[in-house]
Amino acid sequence: MKPETLELLVTRTMPFGKYQGRCIADLPGDYLAWFARKGFPTGELGGLLALMHEIDHNGLGDLLKPLRQKHG
């Protein structure tokens, strides 16, 4: 995984659905778990959602703190 991929989690927003416009890193764990059960979208968005699910599920959210501070 490239460091830039983690930066995308704090800069990209959800393009559709209940949480449209919310930063991917701020999506609720239950929402990410729903995607994990039902299937992630294809492409870059699906990869980012899957990565965020793994980070959230494993309690690694603190990894994103420096990136959140960097990107305000």
PDB file of N, CA and C in Angstrom:
ATOM      1  N   MET A   1       0.840  -1.172   0.000  1.00  0.00           N
ATOM      2  CA  MET A   1       0.000   0.000   0.000  1.00  0.00           C
ATOM      3  C   MET A   1       0.888   1.238   0.000  1.00  0.00           C
ATOM      4  N   LYS A   2       0.485   2.205  -0.761  1.00  0.00           N
ATOM      5  CA  LYS A   2       1.225   3.459  -0.845  1.00  0.00           C
ATOM      6  C   LYS A   2       0.712   4.429   0.224  1.00  0.00           C
ATOM      7  N   PRO A   3       1.588   5.270   0.769  1.00  0.00           N
ATOM      8  CA  PRO A   3       1.143   6.262   1.759  1.00  0.00           C
ATOM      9  C   PRO A   3       0.040   7.175   1.218  1.00  0.00           C
ATOM     10  N   GLU A   4       0.081   7.427  -0.084  1.00  0.00           N
ATOM     11  CA  GLU A   4      -0.927   8.297  -0.686  1.00  0.00           C
ATOM     12  C   GLU A   4      -2.332   7.700  -0.545  1.00  0.00           C
ATOM     13  N   THR A   5      -2.401   6.390  -0.476  1.00  0.00           N
ATOM     14  CA  THR A   5      -3.702   5.734  -0.332  1.00  0.00           C
ATOM     15  C   THR A   5      -4.335   6.100   1.001  1.00  0.00           C
ATOM     16  N   LEU A   6      -3.535   6.140   2.063  1.00  0.00           N
ATOM     17  CA  LEU A   6      -4.065   6.543   3.368  1.00  0.00           C
ATOM     18  C   LEU A   6      -4.533   7.992   3.332  1.00  0.00           C
ATOM     19  N   GLU A   7      -3.809   8.837   2.606  1.00  0.00           N
ATOM     20  CA  GLU A   7      -4.225  10.240   2.493  1.00  0.00           C
ATOM     21  C   GLU A   7      -5.575  10.361   1.810  1.00  0.00           C
ATOM     22  N   LEU A   8      -5.843   9.481   0.868  1.00  0.00           N
ATOM     23  CA  LEU A   8      -7.140   9.529   0.187  1.00  0.00           C
ATOM     24  C   LEU A   8      -8.292   9.266   1.155  1.00  0.00           C
ATOM     25  N   LEU A   9      -8.046   8.476   2.192  1.00  0.00           N
ATOM     26  CA  LEU A   9      -9.102   8.192   3.163  1.00  0.00           C
ATOM     27  C   LEU A   9      -9.563   9.447   3.891  1.00  0.00           C
ATOM     28  N   VAL A  10      -8.661  10.403   4.072  1.00  0.00           N
ATOM     29  CA  VAL A  10      -9.027  11.623   4.798  1.00  0.00           C
ATOM     30  C   VAL A  10      -9.360  12.793   3.872  1.00  0.00           C
ATOM     31  N   THR A  11      -9.220  12.588   2.562  1.00  0.00           N
ATOM     32  CA  THR A  11      -9.518  13.677   1.627  1.00  0.00           C
ATOM     33  C   THR A  11     -10.689  13.375   0.697  1.00  0.00           C
ATOM     34  N   ARG A  12     -10.960  12.113   0.419  1.00  0.00           N
ATOM     35  CA  ARG A  12     -12.064  11.752  -0.478  1.00  0.00           C
ATOM     36  C   ARG A  12     -13.370  11.683   0.296  1.00  0.00           C
ATOM     37  N   THR A  13     -14.436  12.013  -0.383  1.00  0.00           N
ATOM     38  CA  THR A  13     -15.748  11.935   0.244  1.00  0.00           C
ATOM     39  C   THR A  13     -16.584  10.852  -0.427  1.00  0.00           C
ATOM     40  N   MET A  14     -17.569  10.395   0.314  1.00  0.00           N
ATOM     41  CA  MET A  14     -18.486   9.380  -0.194  1.00  0.00           C
ATOM     42  C   MET A  14     -19.362  10.024  -1.266  1.00  0.00           C
ATOM     43  N   PRO A  15     -19.369   9.462  -2.485  1.00  0.00           N
ATOM     44  CA  PRO A  15     -20.082  10.117  -3.582  1.00  0.00           C
ATOM     45  C   PRO A  15     -21.584   9.820  -3.654  1.00  0.00           C
ATOM     46  N   PHE A  16     -22.085   8.905  -2.829  1.00  0.00           N
ATOM     47  CA  PHE A  16     -23.502   8.538  -2.927  1.00  0.00           C
ATOM     48  C   PHE A  16     -23.995   7.994  -1.601  1.00  0.00           C
ATOM     49  N   GLY A  17     -25.299   7.821  -1.513  1.00  0.00           N
ATOM     50  CA  GLY A  17     -25.900   7.139  -0.373  1.00  0.00           C
ATOM     51  C   GLY A  17     -26.155   8.021   0.828  1.00  0.00           C
ATOM     52  N   LYS A  18     -26.471   7.364   1.909  1.00  0.00           N
ATOM     53  CA  LYS A  18     -26.839   8.022   3.161  1.00  0.00           C
ATOM     54  C   LYS A  18     -25.752   8.969   3.663  1.00  0.00           C
ATOM     55  N   TYR A  19     -24.511   8.632   3.409  1.00  0.00           N
ATOM     56  CA  TYR A  19     -23.389   9.431   3.902  1.00  0.00           C
ATOM     57  C   TYR A  19     -22.689  10.198   2.784  1.00  0.00           C
ATOM     58  N   GLN A  20     -23.426  10.525   1.744  1.00  0.00           N
ATOM     59  CA  GLN A  20     -22.868  11.294   0.629  1.00  0.00           C
ATOM     60  C   GLN A  20     -22.254  12.592   1.155  1.00  0.00           C
ATOM     61  N   GLY A  21     -21.035  12.872   0.697  1.00  0.00           N
ATOM     62  CA  GLY A  21     -20.341  14.086   1.102  1.00  0.00           C
ATOM     63  C   GLY A  21     -19.482  13.937   2.345  1.00  0.00           C
ATOM     64  N   ARG A  22     -19.612  12.829   3.056  1.00  0.00           N
ATOM     65  CA  ARG A  22     -18.817  12.613   4.267  1.00  0.00           C
ATOM     66  C   ARG A  22     -17.473  12.003   3.890  1.00  0.00           C
ATOM     67  N   CYS A  23     -16.439  12.445   4.559  1.00  0.00           N
ATOM     68  CA  CYS A  23     -15.094  11.919   4.352  1.00  0.00           C
ATOM     69  C   CYS A  23     -15.103  10.406   4.603  1.00  0.00           C
ATOM     70  N   ILE A  24     -14.409   9.661   3.767  1.00  0.00           N
ATOM     71  CA  ILE A  24     -14.395   8.198   3.903  1.00  0.00           C
ATOM     72  C   ILE A  24     -13.883   7.780   5.281  1.00  0.00           C
ATOM     73  N   ALA A  25     -12.908   8.494   5.810  1.00  0.00           N
ATOM     74  CA  ALA A  25     -12.367   8.161   7.131  1.00  0.00           C
ATOM     75  C   ALA A  25     -13.385   8.394   8.246  1.00  0.00           C
ATOM     76  N   ASP A  26     -14.445   9.153   7.966  1.00  0.00           N
ATOM     77  CA  ASP A  26     -15.461   9.455   8.975  1.00  0.00           C
ATOM     78  C   ASP A  26     -16.720   8.603   8.846  1.00  0.00           C
ATOM     79  N   LEU A  27     -16.709   7.644   7.944  1.00  0.00           N
ATOM     80  CA  LEU A  27     -17.882   6.786   7.783  1.00  0.00           C
ATOM     81  C   LEU A  27     -18.024   5.861   8.994  1.00  0.00           C
ATOM     82  N   PRO A  28     -19.250   5.640   9.457  1.00  0.00           N
ATOM     83  CA  PRO A  28     -19.458   4.764  10.615  1.00  0.00           C
ATOM     84  C   PRO A  28     -19.041   3.319  10.325  1.00  0.00           C
ATOM     85  N   GLY A  29     -18.554   2.663  11.358  1.00  0.00           N
ATOM     86  CA  GLY A  29     -18.132   1.277  11.232  1.00  0.00           C
ATOM     87  C   GLY A  29     -19.239   0.355  10.761  1.00  0.00           C
ATOM     88  N   ASP A  30     -20.472   0.604  11.214  1.00  0.00           N
ATOM     89  CA  ASP A  30     -21.601  -0.233  10.795  1.00  0.00           C
ATOM     90  C   ASP A  30     -21.842  -0.128   9.294  1.00  0.00           C
ATOM     91  N   TYR A  31     -21.668   1.065   8.753  1.00  0.00           N
ATOM     92  CA  TYR A  31     -21.847   1.290   7.316  1.00  0.00           C
ATOM     93  C   TYR A  31     -20.766   0.543   6.532  1.00  0.00           C
ATOM     94  N   LEU A  32     -19.534   0.621   7.016  1.00  0.00           N
ATOM     95  CA  LEU A  32     -18.432  -0.091   6.366  1.00  0.00           C
ATOM     96  C   LEU A  32     -18.630  -1.605   6.461  1.00  0.00           C
ATOM     97  N   ALA A  33     -19.127  -2.063   7.606  1.00  0.00           N
ATOM     98  CA  ALA A  33     -19.379  -3.498   7.785  1.00  0.00           C
ATOM     99  C   ALA A  33     -20.490  -3.971   6.845  1.00  0.00           C
ATOM    100  N   TRP A  34     -21.480  -3.118   6.598  1.00  0.00           N
ATOM    101  CA  TRP A  34     -22.546  -3.474   5.662  1.00  0.00           C
ATOM    102  C   TRP A  34     -21.957  -3.715   4.272  1.00  0.00           C
ATOM    103  N   PHE A  35     -21.075  -2.818   3.839  1.00  0.00           N
ATOM    104  CA  PHE A  35     -20.416  -3.007   2.544  1.00  0.00           C
ATOM    105  C   PHE A  35     -19.600  -4.301   2.538  1.00  0.00           C
ATOM    106  N   ALA A  36     -18.934  -4.586   3.655  1.00  0.00           N
ATOM    107  CA  ALA A  36     -18.121  -5.806   3.729  1.00  0.00           C
ATOM    108  C   ALA A  36     -18.995  -7.047   3.543  1.00  0.00           C
ATOM    109  N   ARG A  37     -20.206  -7.008   4.079  1.00  0.00           N
ATOM    110  CA  ARG A  37     -21.124  -8.148   3.935  1.00  0.00           C
ATOM    111  C   ARG A  37     -21.749  -8.214   2.542  1.00  0.00           C
ATOM    112  N   LYS A  38     -22.142  -7.071   2.017  1.00  0.00           N
ATOM    113  CA  LYS A  38     -22.892  -7.022   0.753  1.00  0.00           C
ATOM    114  C   LYS A  38     -22.002  -6.917  -0.478  1.00  0.00           C
ATOM    115  N   GLY A  39     -20.782  -6.432  -0.279  1.00  0.00           N
ATOM    116  CA  GLY A  39     -19.858  -6.250  -1.401  1.00  0.00           C
ATOM    117  C   GLY A  39     -19.503  -4.787  -1.594  1.00  0.00           C
ATOM    118  N   PHE A  40     -18.224  -4.526  -1.689  1.00  0.00           N
ATOM    119  CA  PHE A  40     -17.751  -3.163  -1.920  1.00  0.00           C
ATOM    120  C   PHE A  40     -17.928  -2.803  -3.389  1.00  0.00           C
ATOM    121  N   PRO A  41     -18.113  -1.512  -3.675  1.00  0.00           N
ATOM    122  CA  PRO A  41     -18.179  -1.093  -5.081  1.00  0.00           C
ATOM    123  C   PRO A  41     -16.864  -1.435  -5.789  1.00  0.00           C
ATOM    124  N   THR A  42     -16.908  -1.480  -7.090  1.00  0.00           N
ATOM    125  CA  THR A  42     -15.692  -1.740  -7.856  1.00  0.00           C
ATOM    126  C   THR A  42     -14.853  -0.473  -7.935  1.00  0.00           C
ATOM    127  N   GLY A  43     -13.627  -0.640  -8.324  1.00  0.00           N
ATOM    128  CA  GLY A  43     -12.747   0.499  -8.558  1.00  0.00           C
ATOM    129  C   GLY A  43     -12.107   1.057  -7.303  1.00  0.00           C
ATOM    130  N   GLU A  44     -11.601   2.264  -7.450  1.00  0.00           N
ATOM    131  CA  GLU A  44     -10.862   2.913  -6.370  1.00  0.00           C
ATOM    132  C   GLU A  44     -11.715   3.103  -5.122  1.00  0.00           C
ATOM    133  N   LEU A  45     -12.958   3.511  -5.295  1.00  0.00           N
ATOM    134  CA  LEU A  45     -13.827   3.725  -4.141  1.00  0.00           C
ATOM    135  C   LEU A  45     -13.972   2.450  -3.321  1.00  0.00           C
ATOM    136  N   GLY A  46     -14.207   1.340  -3.977  1.00  0.00           N
ATOM    137  CA  GLY A  46     -14.344   0.077  -3.261  1.00  0.00           C
ATOM    138  C   GLY A  46     -13.087  -0.291  -2.492  1.00  0.00           C
ATOM    139  N   GLY A  47     -11.939  -0.037  -3.094  1.00  0.00           N
ATOM    140  CA  GLY A  47     -10.675  -0.303  -2.412  1.00  0.00           C
ATOM    141  C   GLY A  47     -10.495   0.568  -1.183  1.00  0.00           C
ATOM    142  N   LEU A  48     -10.879   1.827  -1.300  1.00  0.00           N
ATOM    143  CA  LEU A  48     -10.765   2.737  -0.159  1.00  0.00           C
ATOM    144  C   LEU A  48     -11.726   2.342   0.956  1.00  0.00           C
ATOM    145  N   LEU A  49     -12.945   1.975   0.593  1.00  0.00           N
ATOM    146  CA  LEU A  49     -13.911   1.543   1.605  1.00  0.00           C
ATOM    147  C   LEU A  49     -13.450   0.260   2.292  1.00  0.00           C
ATOM    148  N   ALA A  50     -12.903  -0.675   1.531  1.00  0.00           N
ATOM    149  CA  ALA A  50     -12.402  -1.924   2.117  1.00  0.00           C
ATOM    150  C   ALA A  50     -11.237  -1.649   3.063  1.00  0.00           C
ATOM    151  N   LEU A  51     -10.343  -0.762   2.659  1.00  0.00           N
ATOM    152  CA  LEU A  51      -9.215  -0.405   3.516  1.00  0.00           C
ATOM    153  C   LEU A  51      -9.700   0.266   4.793  1.00  0.00           C
ATOM    154  N   MET A  52     -10.652   1.189   4.665  1.00  0.00           N
ATOM    155  CA  MET A  52     -11.171   1.875   5.846  1.00  0.00           C
ATOM    156  C   MET A  52     -11.884   0.897   6.760  1.00  0.00           C
ATOM    157  N   HIS A  53     -12.564  -0.080   6.190  1.00  0.00           N
ATOM    158  CA  HIS A  53     -13.212  -1.106   7.011  1.00  0.00           C
ATOM    159  C   HIS A  53     -12.169  -1.875   7.822  1.00  0.00           C
ATOM    160  N   GLU A  54     -11.078  -2.264   7.193  1.00  0.00           N
ATOM    161  CA  GLU A  54     -10.021  -2.994   7.901  1.00  0.00           C
ATOM    162  C   GLU A  54      -9.416  -2.140   9.014  1.00  0.00           C
ATOM    163  N   ILE A  55      -9.169  -0.882   8.724  1.00  0.00           N
ATOM    164  CA  ILE A  55      -8.606   0.025   9.730  1.00  0.00           C
ATOM    165  C   ILE A  55      -9.570   0.151  10.902  1.00  0.00           C
ATOM    166  N   ASP A  56     -10.847   0.386  10.608  1.00  0.00           N
ATOM    167  CA  ASP A  56     -11.855   0.546  11.656  1.00  0.00           C
ATOM    168  C   ASP A  56     -12.044  -0.747  12.442  1.00  0.00           C
ATOM    169  N   HIS A  57     -12.191  -1.847  11.745  1.00  0.00           N
ATOM    170  CA  HIS A  57     -12.453  -3.143  12.373  1.00  0.00           C
ATOM    171  C   HIS A  57     -11.315  -3.564  13.311  1.00  0.00           C
ATOM    172  N   ASN A  58     -10.102  -3.203  12.963  1.00  0.00           N
ATOM    173  CA  ASN A  58      -8.936  -3.590  13.765  1.00  0.00           C
ATOM    174  C   ASN A  58      -8.487  -2.510  14.742  1.00  0.00           C
ATOM    175  N   GLY A  59      -9.285  -1.468  14.895  1.00  0.00           N
ATOM    176  CA  GLY A  59      -8.989  -0.430  15.879  1.00  0.00           C
ATOM    177  C   GLY A  59      -7.745   0.382  15.571  1.00  0.00           C
ATOM    178  N   LEU A  60      -7.474   0.595  14.292  1.00  0.00           N
ATOM    179  CA  LEU A  60      -6.257   1.302  13.888  1.00  0.00           C
ATOM    180  C   LEU A  60      -6.523   2.733  13.428  1.00  0.00           C
ATOM    181  N   GLY A  61      -7.640   3.292  13.825  1.00  0.00           N
ATOM    182  CA  GLY A  61      -8.009   4.638  13.401  1.00  0.00           C
ATOM    183  C   GLY A  61      -6.983   5.699  13.741  1.00  0.00           C
ATOM    184  N   ASP A  62      -6.199   5.471  14.796  1.00  0.00           N
ATOM    185  CA  ASP A  62      -5.178   6.455  15.175  1.00  0.00           C
ATOM    186  C   ASP A  62      -4.112   6.629  14.098  1.00  0.00           C
ATOM    187  N   LEU A  63      -3.983   5.665  13.207  1.00  0.00           N
ATOM    188  CA  LEU A  63      -3.034   5.802  12.095  1.00  0.00           C
ATOM    189  C   LEU A  63      -3.349   7.024  11.241  1.00  0.00           C
ATOM    190  N   LEU A  64      -4.598   7.408  11.216  1.00  0.00           N
ATOM    191  CA  LEU A  64      -5.026   8.504  10.351  1.00  0.00           C
ATOM    192  C   LEU A  64      -4.935   9.875  11.020  1.00  0.00           C
ATOM    193  N   LYS A  65      -4.678   9.923  12.326  1.00  0.00           N
ATOM    194  CA  LYS A  65      -4.639  11.210  13.037  1.00  0.00           C
ATOM    195  C   LYS A  65      -3.656  12.204  12.434  1.00  0.00           C
ATOM    196  N   PRO A  66      -2.406  11.812  12.169  1.00  0.00           N
ATOM    197  CA  PRO A  66      -1.478  12.788  11.572  1.00  0.00           C
ATOM    198  C   PRO A  66      -1.949  13.277  10.203  1.00  0.00           C
ATOM    199  N   LEU A  67      -2.571  12.409   9.443  1.00  0.00           N
ATOM    200  CA  LEU A  67      -3.067  12.806   8.125  1.00  0.00           C
ATOM    201  C   LEU A  67      -4.264  13.739   8.246  1.00  0.00           C
ATOM    202  N   ARG A  68      -5.105  13.501   9.236  1.00  0.00           N
ATOM    203  CA  ARG A  68      -6.245  14.401   9.472  1.00  0.00           C
ATOM    204  C   ARG A  68      -5.745  15.798   9.829  1.00  0.00           C
ATOM    205  N   GLN A  69      -4.720  15.856  10.671  1.00  0.00           N
ATOM    206  CA  GLN A  69      -4.162  17.152  11.069  1.00  0.00           C
ATOM    207  C   GLN A  69      -3.532  17.856   9.879  1.00  0.00           C
ATOM    208  N   LYS A  70      -2.853  17.098   9.044  1.00  0.00           N
ATOM    209  CA  LYS A  70      -2.195  17.663   7.863  1.00  0.00           C
ATOM    210  C   LYS A  70      -3.208  18.261   6.892  1.00  0.00           C
ATOM    211  N   HIS A  71      -4.342  17.588   6.746  1.00  0.00           N
ATOM    212  CA  HIS A  71      -5.342  18.006   5.764  1.00  0.00           C
ATOM    213  C   HIS A  71      -6.496  18.789   6.383  1.00  0.00           C
ATOM    214  N   GLY A  72      -6.363  19.107   7.666  1.00  0.00           N
ATOM    215  CA  GLY A  72      -7.342  19.957   8.328  1.00  0.00           C
ATOM    216  C   GLY A  72      -8.654  19.349   8.508  1.00  0.00           C
TER     217      GLY A  72
END
